[in-house]
C-alpha cells in the first residue's frame, strides 16, 4: 500500500472521530449559551470548524507518525504539536469571535478563514511528501 494512502487513512479516521465529537459539542454550545446565528453565519462557522479540524488532524497525524518509536510519545506529541498548531487555534478563535459578534468585520473574518485554508493546504502537501520518509526510518 502506498504510504500517502496510509497517511490519508489515518487523517480521515481522525477527521471522522473529531467530526462526531464536534457534531455533539457545537449544538450543545449553541443550546447552553443561547447563541442565535443567522444561516449565513452558521455556514461560515461550519467552514471555519471544518478547516480547523482538517489542520489539526493533518498536523497531529504527522507528528504522531514521527514519534512512532519514541518512548514517551504522549508527552512529546503534546510538546511538539502545540507550537505548530497554534496558528490554527488562533485563526479559529479569531474567526469564530468575528462570526459570533454582531459588529464583526467581514473582511477580517475572511482573512482568518483564508489563513486556515492556507495552513491546511501547506501542511497537507508537506505531510504527504514527508510521511513516507518518517515511516521508513
N, C-alpha and C. Protein backbone atom coordinates (compact mmCIF):
# COMPACT_ATOMS: atom_id res chain seq x y z
N UNK A 1 0.86 -1.17 0.00
CA UNK A 1 0.00 0.00 0.00
C UNK A 1 0.90 1.24 0.00
N UNK A 2 0.61 2.21 -0.84
CA UNK A 2 1.43 3.44 -0.84
C UNK A 2 1.32 4.17 0.50
N UNK A 3 2.43 4.70 0.94
CA UNK A 3 2.48 5.39 2.24
C UNK A 3 1.53 6.58 2.32
N UNK A 4 1.40 7.41 1.27
CA UNK A 4 0.43 8.51 1.37
C UNK A 4 -1.01 8.03 1.61
N UNK A 5 -1.34 6.84 1.11
CA UNK A 5 -2.68 6.30 1.36
C UNK A 5 -2.86 5.97 2.84
N UNK A 6 -1.82 5.46 3.45
CA UNK A 6 -1.88 5.17 4.89
C UNK A 6 -2.07 6.48 5.66
N UNK A 7 -1.30 7.49 5.28
CA UNK A 7 -1.42 8.78 5.95
C UNK A 7 -2.84 9.34 5.81
N UNK A 8 -3.37 9.33 4.59
CA UNK A 8 -4.72 9.86 4.37
C UNK A 8 -5.77 9.05 5.12
N UNK A 9 -5.58 7.74 5.22
CA UNK A 9 -6.49 6.92 6.01
C UNK A 9 -6.49 7.30 7.47
N UNK A 10 -5.30 7.54 8.01
CA UNK A 10 -5.20 7.97 9.40
C UNK A 10 -5.84 9.34 9.60
N UNK A 11 -5.61 10.24 8.64
CA UNK A 11 -6.21 11.58 8.73
C UNK A 11 -7.73 11.49 8.67
N UNK A 12 -8.27 10.68 7.75
CA UNK A 12 -9.72 10.56 7.65
C UNK A 12 -10.33 9.91 8.89
N UNK A 13 -9.62 8.97 9.49
CA UNK A 13 -10.08 8.39 10.75
C UNK A 13 -10.15 9.43 11.85
N UNK A 14 -9.11 10.26 11.92
CA UNK A 14 -9.09 11.34 12.91
C UNK A 14 -10.19 12.35 12.63
N UNK A 15 -10.40 12.68 11.35
CA UNK A 15 -11.46 13.62 10.98
C UNK A 15 -12.84 13.07 11.35
N UNK A 16 -13.04 11.78 11.14
CA UNK A 16 -14.32 11.17 11.50
C UNK A 16 -14.56 11.25 13.00
N UNK A 17 -13.55 10.90 13.78
CA UNK A 17 -13.67 10.96 15.24
C UNK A 17 -13.96 12.39 15.71
N UNK A 18 -13.17 13.34 15.21
CA UNK A 18 -13.35 14.72 15.62
C UNK A 18 -14.68 15.29 15.11
N UNK A 19 -15.11 14.88 13.93
CA UNK A 19 -16.39 15.34 13.39
C UNK A 19 -17.57 14.88 14.23
N UNK A 20 -17.53 13.63 14.68
CA UNK A 20 -18.60 13.13 15.55
C UNK A 20 -18.63 13.91 16.86
N UNK A 21 -17.46 14.14 17.42
CA UNK A 21 -17.37 14.91 18.66
C UNK A 21 -17.89 16.33 18.47
N UNK A 22 -17.51 16.97 17.37
CA UNK A 22 -17.97 18.34 17.10
C UNK A 22 -19.48 18.38 16.83
N UNK A 23 -20.02 17.33 16.23
CA UNK A 23 -21.46 17.28 15.97
C UNK A 23 -22.26 17.25 17.27
N UNK A 24 -21.65 16.82 18.35
CA UNK A 24 -22.31 16.83 19.65
C UNK A 24 -22.03 18.13 20.41
N UNK A 25 -20.79 18.59 20.37
CA UNK A 25 -20.38 19.73 21.19
C UNK A 25 -20.93 21.06 20.66
N UNK A 26 -20.87 21.28 19.34
CA UNK A 26 -21.29 22.58 18.79
C UNK A 26 -22.77 22.85 19.05
N UNK A 27 -23.69 21.91 18.78
CA UNK A 27 -25.10 22.19 19.13
C UNK A 27 -25.30 22.39 20.63
N UNK A 28 -24.53 21.67 21.44
CA UNK A 28 -24.66 21.86 22.89
C UNK A 28 -24.24 23.26 23.30
N UNK A 29 -23.20 23.78 22.69
CA UNK A 29 -22.76 25.14 22.99
C UNK A 29 -23.83 26.16 22.59
N UNK A 30 -24.41 25.95 21.41
CA UNK A 30 -25.49 26.85 20.98
C UNK A 30 -26.68 26.79 21.94
N UNK A 31 -26.98 25.61 22.41
CA UNK A 31 -28.11 25.43 23.32
C UNK A 31 -27.83 26.04 24.70
N UNK A 32 -26.69 25.70 25.28
CA UNK A 32 -26.40 26.14 26.65
C UNK A 32 -26.09 27.63 26.75
N UNK A 33 -25.47 28.20 25.73
CA UNK A 33 -25.13 29.62 25.77
C UNK A 33 -26.16 30.49 25.07
N UNK A 34 -27.22 29.90 24.57
CA UNK A 34 -28.33 30.61 23.94
C UNK A 34 -27.82 31.53 22.82
N UNK A 35 -27.06 30.94 21.90
CA UNK A 35 -26.48 31.69 20.79
C UNK A 35 -27.43 31.63 19.60
N UNK A 36 -27.76 32.80 19.06
CA UNK A 36 -28.57 32.86 17.85
C UNK A 36 -27.67 33.32 16.71
N UNK A 37 -27.74 32.59 15.62
CA UNK A 37 -26.85 32.86 14.49
C UNK A 37 -27.65 32.72 13.21
N UNK A 38 -27.56 33.70 12.31
CA UNK A 38 -28.25 33.55 11.02
C UNK A 38 -27.62 32.42 10.21
N UNK A 39 -28.34 31.96 9.18
CA UNK A 39 -27.88 30.82 8.39
C UNK A 39 -26.54 31.11 7.71
N UNK A 40 -26.33 32.32 7.21
CA UNK A 40 -25.05 32.66 6.56
C UNK A 40 -23.91 32.57 7.57
N UNK A 41 -24.13 33.04 8.77
CA UNK A 41 -23.12 32.95 9.82
C UNK A 41 -22.85 31.52 10.22
N UNK A 42 -23.90 30.70 10.22
CA UNK A 42 -23.73 29.29 10.57
C UNK A 42 -22.89 28.57 9.52
N UNK A 43 -23.09 28.89 8.25
CA UNK A 43 -22.31 28.25 7.19
C UNK A 43 -20.84 28.65 7.26
N UNK A 44 -20.57 29.91 7.57
CA UNK A 44 -19.18 30.35 7.72
C UNK A 44 -18.56 29.69 8.96
N UNK A 45 -19.34 29.56 10.03
CA UNK A 45 -18.86 28.88 11.23
C UNK A 45 -18.55 27.41 10.91
N UNK A 46 -19.41 26.78 10.15
CA UNK A 46 -19.18 25.39 9.76
C UNK A 46 -17.91 25.27 8.92
N UNK A 47 -17.69 26.20 8.00
CA UNK A 47 -16.46 26.21 7.20
C UNK A 47 -15.23 26.39 8.10
N UNK A 48 -15.32 27.28 9.06
CA UNK A 48 -14.22 27.51 9.99
C UNK A 48 -13.92 26.25 10.81
N UNK A 49 -14.95 25.59 11.28
CA UNK A 49 -14.77 24.37 12.07
C UNK A 49 -14.14 23.28 11.22
N UNK A 50 -14.61 23.12 10.00
CA UNK A 50 -14.07 22.08 9.11
C UNK A 50 -12.60 22.35 8.80
N UNK A 51 -12.26 23.59 8.46
CA UNK A 51 -10.87 23.92 8.15
C UNK A 51 -9.96 23.74 9.37
N UNK A 52 -10.43 24.15 10.53
CA UNK A 52 -9.64 23.96 11.75
C UNK A 52 -9.45 22.49 12.08
N UNK A 53 -10.47 21.69 11.88
CA UNK A 53 -10.39 20.26 12.14
C UNK A 53 -9.41 19.58 11.19
N UNK A 54 -9.46 19.96 9.93
CA UNK A 54 -8.53 19.38 8.95
C UNK A 54 -7.10 19.72 9.32
N UNK A 55 -6.83 20.97 9.65
CA UNK A 55 -5.48 21.38 10.03
C UNK A 55 -4.97 20.63 11.25
N UNK A 56 -5.82 20.50 12.25
CA UNK A 56 -5.42 19.79 13.46
C UNK A 56 -5.17 18.32 13.19
N UNK A 57 -6.03 17.70 12.40
CA UNK A 57 -5.89 16.27 12.11
C UNK A 57 -4.63 15.99 11.29
N UNK A 58 -4.36 16.82 10.30
CA UNK A 58 -3.19 16.59 9.44
C UNK A 58 -1.90 16.73 10.25
N UNK A 59 -1.77 17.80 10.99
CA UNK A 59 -0.55 18.02 11.77
C UNK A 59 -0.42 16.99 12.89
N UNK A 60 -1.52 16.69 13.56
CA UNK A 60 -1.49 15.69 14.62
C UNK A 60 -1.10 14.31 14.12
N UNK A 61 -1.60 13.93 12.96
CA UNK A 61 -1.25 12.64 12.38
C UNK A 61 0.22 12.60 11.98
N UNK A 62 0.72 13.69 11.41
CA UNK A 62 2.12 13.74 11.01
C UNK A 62 3.05 13.61 12.21
N UNK A 63 2.78 14.35 13.27
CA UNK A 63 3.64 14.28 14.44
C UNK A 63 3.49 12.96 15.19
N UNK A 64 2.30 12.39 15.19
CA UNK A 64 2.12 11.07 15.81
C UNK A 64 2.94 10.02 15.07
N UNK A 65 3.00 10.13 13.74
CA UNK A 65 3.81 9.19 12.96
C UNK A 65 5.30 9.42 13.20
N UNK A 66 5.70 10.68 13.38
CA UNK A 66 7.12 10.95 13.61
C UNK A 66 7.58 10.46 14.97
N UNK A 67 6.67 10.33 15.92
CA UNK A 67 7.01 9.87 17.26
C UNK A 67 6.64 8.40 17.48
N UNK A 68 6.48 7.67 16.40
CA UNK A 68 6.02 6.29 16.47
C UNK A 68 6.90 5.42 17.35
N UNK A 69 8.20 5.61 17.28
CA UNK A 69 9.12 4.76 18.02
C UNK A 69 9.69 5.42 19.29
N UNK A 70 9.17 6.56 19.66
CA UNK A 70 9.66 7.26 20.85
C UNK A 70 9.10 6.62 22.12
N UNK A 71 9.84 6.75 23.20
CA UNK A 71 9.40 6.14 24.46
C UNK A 71 8.21 6.88 25.08
N UNK A 72 8.37 8.14 25.31
CA UNK A 72 7.29 8.92 25.94
C UNK A 72 6.59 9.76 24.88
N UNK A 73 5.96 9.07 23.93
CA UNK A 73 5.37 9.76 22.79
C UNK A 73 4.19 10.65 23.16
N UNK A 74 3.45 10.32 24.21
CA UNK A 74 2.30 11.14 24.60
C UNK A 74 2.73 12.54 25.03
N UNK A 75 3.77 12.60 25.84
CA UNK A 75 4.25 13.90 26.31
C UNK A 75 4.93 14.65 25.17
N UNK A 76 5.75 13.95 24.40
CA UNK A 76 6.44 14.60 23.29
C UNK A 76 5.46 15.12 22.24
N UNK A 77 4.39 14.36 21.98
CA UNK A 77 3.40 14.80 20.99
C UNK A 77 2.77 16.12 21.41
N UNK A 78 2.43 16.22 22.67
CA UNK A 78 1.83 17.45 23.17
C UNK A 78 2.80 18.63 23.06
N UNK A 79 4.05 18.39 23.43
CA UNK A 79 5.04 19.46 23.40
C UNK A 79 5.34 19.90 21.97
N UNK A 80 5.43 18.95 21.03
CA UNK A 80 5.75 19.27 19.64
C UNK A 80 4.54 19.85 18.89
N UNK A 81 3.36 19.36 19.21
CA UNK A 81 2.17 19.74 18.45
C UNK A 81 1.71 21.16 18.75
N UNK A 82 1.79 21.58 19.99
CA UNK A 82 1.23 22.88 20.37
C UNK A 82 1.80 24.06 19.59
N UNK A 83 3.13 24.22 19.47
CA UNK A 83 3.63 25.40 18.74
C UNK A 83 3.27 25.39 17.26
N UNK A 84 3.17 24.21 16.67
CA UNK A 84 2.86 24.14 15.24
C UNK A 84 1.37 24.38 15.00
N UNK A 85 0.54 23.93 15.91
CA UNK A 85 -0.91 24.04 15.72
C UNK A 85 -1.45 25.39 16.20
N UNK A 86 -0.60 26.19 16.83
CA UNK A 86 -1.02 27.49 17.35
C UNK A 86 -1.65 28.40 16.30
N UNK A 87 -1.14 28.49 15.06
CA UNK A 87 -1.83 29.32 14.06
C UNK A 87 -3.26 28.86 13.78
N UNK A 88 -3.51 27.55 13.80
CA UNK A 88 -4.87 27.05 13.59
C UNK A 88 -5.76 27.47 14.75
N UNK A 89 -5.26 27.34 15.95
CA UNK A 89 -6.05 27.73 17.12
C UNK A 89 -6.36 29.23 17.11
N UNK A 90 -5.34 30.04 16.82
CA UNK A 90 -5.55 31.49 16.80
C UNK A 90 -6.52 31.90 15.70
N UNK A 91 -6.33 31.37 14.50
CA UNK A 91 -7.22 31.73 13.39
C UNK A 91 -8.65 31.25 13.65
N UNK A 92 -8.79 30.07 14.22
CA UNK A 92 -10.13 29.56 14.54
C UNK A 92 -10.84 30.39 15.58
N UNK A 93 -10.11 30.80 16.62
CA UNK A 93 -10.70 31.62 17.67
C UNK A 93 -11.07 33.00 17.13
N UNK A 94 -10.17 33.61 16.36
CA UNK A 94 -10.45 34.94 15.79
C UNK A 94 -11.65 34.88 14.85
N UNK A 95 -11.68 33.88 13.96
CA UNK A 95 -12.80 33.77 13.01
C UNK A 95 -14.11 33.50 13.74
N UNK A 96 -14.09 32.62 14.72
CA UNK A 96 -15.32 32.32 15.46
C UNK A 96 -15.80 33.55 16.22
N UNK A 97 -14.88 34.29 16.81
CA UNK A 97 -15.27 35.53 17.50
C UNK A 97 -15.90 36.53 16.56
N UNK A 98 -15.34 36.67 15.37
CA UNK A 98 -15.91 37.61 14.40
C UNK A 98 -17.26 37.14 13.87
N UNK A 99 -17.46 35.84 13.80
CA UNK A 99 -18.76 35.31 13.36
C UNK A 99 -19.82 35.57 14.42
N UNK A 100 -19.49 35.36 15.67
CA UNK A 100 -20.48 35.48 16.74
C UNK A 100 -20.73 36.92 17.18
N UNK A 101 -19.80 37.83 16.92
CA UNK A 101 -20.03 39.23 17.26
C UNK A 101 -20.91 39.88 16.21
N UNK A 102 -21.91 40.64 16.62
CA UNK A 102 -22.79 41.26 15.62
C UNK A 102 -22.10 42.34 14.79
N UNK A 103 -21.07 42.96 15.33
CA UNK A 103 -20.39 44.02 14.60
C UNK A 103 -19.02 43.58 14.09
N UNK A 104 -18.83 42.28 13.86
CA UNK A 104 -17.55 41.76 13.39
C UNK A 104 -17.28 42.14 11.94
N UNK A 105 -16.05 42.42 11.63
CA UNK A 105 -15.64 42.81 10.28
C UNK A 105 -15.60 41.60 9.36
N UNK A 106 -16.32 41.68 8.25
CA UNK A 106 -16.35 40.58 7.29
C UNK A 106 -15.01 40.40 6.59
N UNK A 107 -14.32 41.49 6.32
CA UNK A 107 -13.02 41.38 5.66
C UNK A 107 -12.01 40.67 6.55
N UNK A 108 -12.01 41.03 7.83
CA UNK A 108 -11.09 40.38 8.76
C UNK A 108 -11.46 38.92 8.96
N UNK A 109 -12.75 38.63 8.97
CA UNK A 109 -13.21 37.24 9.10
C UNK A 109 -12.66 36.38 7.96
N UNK A 110 -12.77 36.88 6.74
CA UNK A 110 -12.31 36.09 5.60
C UNK A 110 -10.80 35.99 5.54
N UNK A 111 -10.10 36.94 6.12
CA UNK A 111 -8.64 36.81 6.23
C UNK A 111 -8.29 35.61 7.10
N UNK A 112 -8.97 35.47 8.24
CA UNK A 112 -8.68 34.36 9.14
C UNK A 112 -9.11 33.03 8.54
N UNK A 113 -10.22 33.02 7.80
CA UNK A 113 -10.64 31.77 7.13
C UNK A 113 -9.60 31.38 6.07
N UNK A 114 -9.07 32.36 5.34
CA UNK A 114 -8.01 32.07 4.36
C UNK A 114 -6.73 31.58 5.03
N UNK A 115 -6.43 32.10 6.21
CA UNK A 115 -5.26 31.61 6.96
C UNK A 115 -5.45 30.13 7.27
N UNK A 116 -6.63 29.76 7.71
CA UNK A 116 -6.91 28.35 8.00
C UNK A 116 -6.77 27.49 6.74
N UNK A 117 -7.34 27.95 5.65
CA UNK A 117 -7.27 27.18 4.40
C UNK A 117 -5.84 27.05 3.89
N UNK A 118 -5.07 28.11 3.98
CA UNK A 118 -3.67 28.08 3.54
C UNK A 118 -2.85 27.14 4.41
N UNK A 119 -3.06 27.20 5.71
CA UNK A 119 -2.37 26.30 6.63
C UNK A 119 -2.68 24.85 6.28
N UNK A 120 -3.96 24.56 6.05
CA UNK A 120 -4.36 23.19 5.70
C UNK A 120 -3.70 22.73 4.41
N UNK A 121 -3.71 23.57 3.41
CA UNK A 121 -3.13 23.22 2.12
C UNK A 121 -1.62 22.97 2.24
N UNK A 122 -0.91 23.87 2.88
CA UNK A 122 0.54 23.72 3.01
C UNK A 122 0.89 22.48 3.80
N UNK A 123 0.27 22.29 4.95
CA UNK A 123 0.64 21.15 5.78
C UNK A 123 0.16 19.82 5.20
N UNK A 124 -0.91 19.80 4.44
CA UNK A 124 -1.32 18.56 3.79
C UNK A 124 -0.30 18.16 2.73
N UNK A 125 0.13 19.11 1.93
CA UNK A 125 1.12 18.81 0.89
C UNK A 125 2.45 18.38 1.52
N UNK A 126 2.91 19.11 2.51
CA UNK A 126 4.18 18.77 3.16
C UNK A 126 4.07 17.42 3.87
N UNK A 127 2.94 17.15 4.51
CA UNK A 127 2.77 15.89 5.22
C UNK A 127 2.76 14.70 4.27
N UNK A 128 2.09 14.83 3.14
CA UNK A 128 2.09 13.75 2.16
C UNK A 128 3.49 13.51 1.61
N UNK A 129 4.26 14.54 1.51
CA UNK A 129 5.62 14.45 0.99
C UNK A 129 6.57 13.82 2.02
N UNK A 130 6.39 14.16 3.30
CA UNK A 130 7.31 13.73 4.35
C UNK A 130 6.93 12.40 4.99
N UNK A 131 5.67 12.00 4.94
CA UNK A 131 5.18 10.86 5.70
C UNK A 131 5.94 9.58 5.37
N UNK A 132 6.21 9.34 4.12
CA UNK A 132 6.92 8.11 3.74
C UNK A 132 8.31 8.07 4.36
N UNK A 133 8.98 9.19 4.39
CA UNK A 133 10.33 9.26 4.98
C UNK A 133 10.24 8.97 6.49
N UNK A 134 9.23 9.51 7.16
CA UNK A 134 9.09 9.30 8.60
C UNK A 134 8.81 7.85 8.94
N UNK A 135 7.98 7.20 8.13
CA UNK A 135 7.59 5.83 8.43
C UNK A 135 8.70 4.84 8.09
N UNK A 136 9.48 5.11 7.08
CA UNK A 136 10.54 4.19 6.67
C UNK A 136 11.74 4.20 7.58
N UNK A 137 11.98 5.27 8.33
CA UNK A 137 13.17 5.32 9.22
C UNK A 137 13.09 4.35 10.33
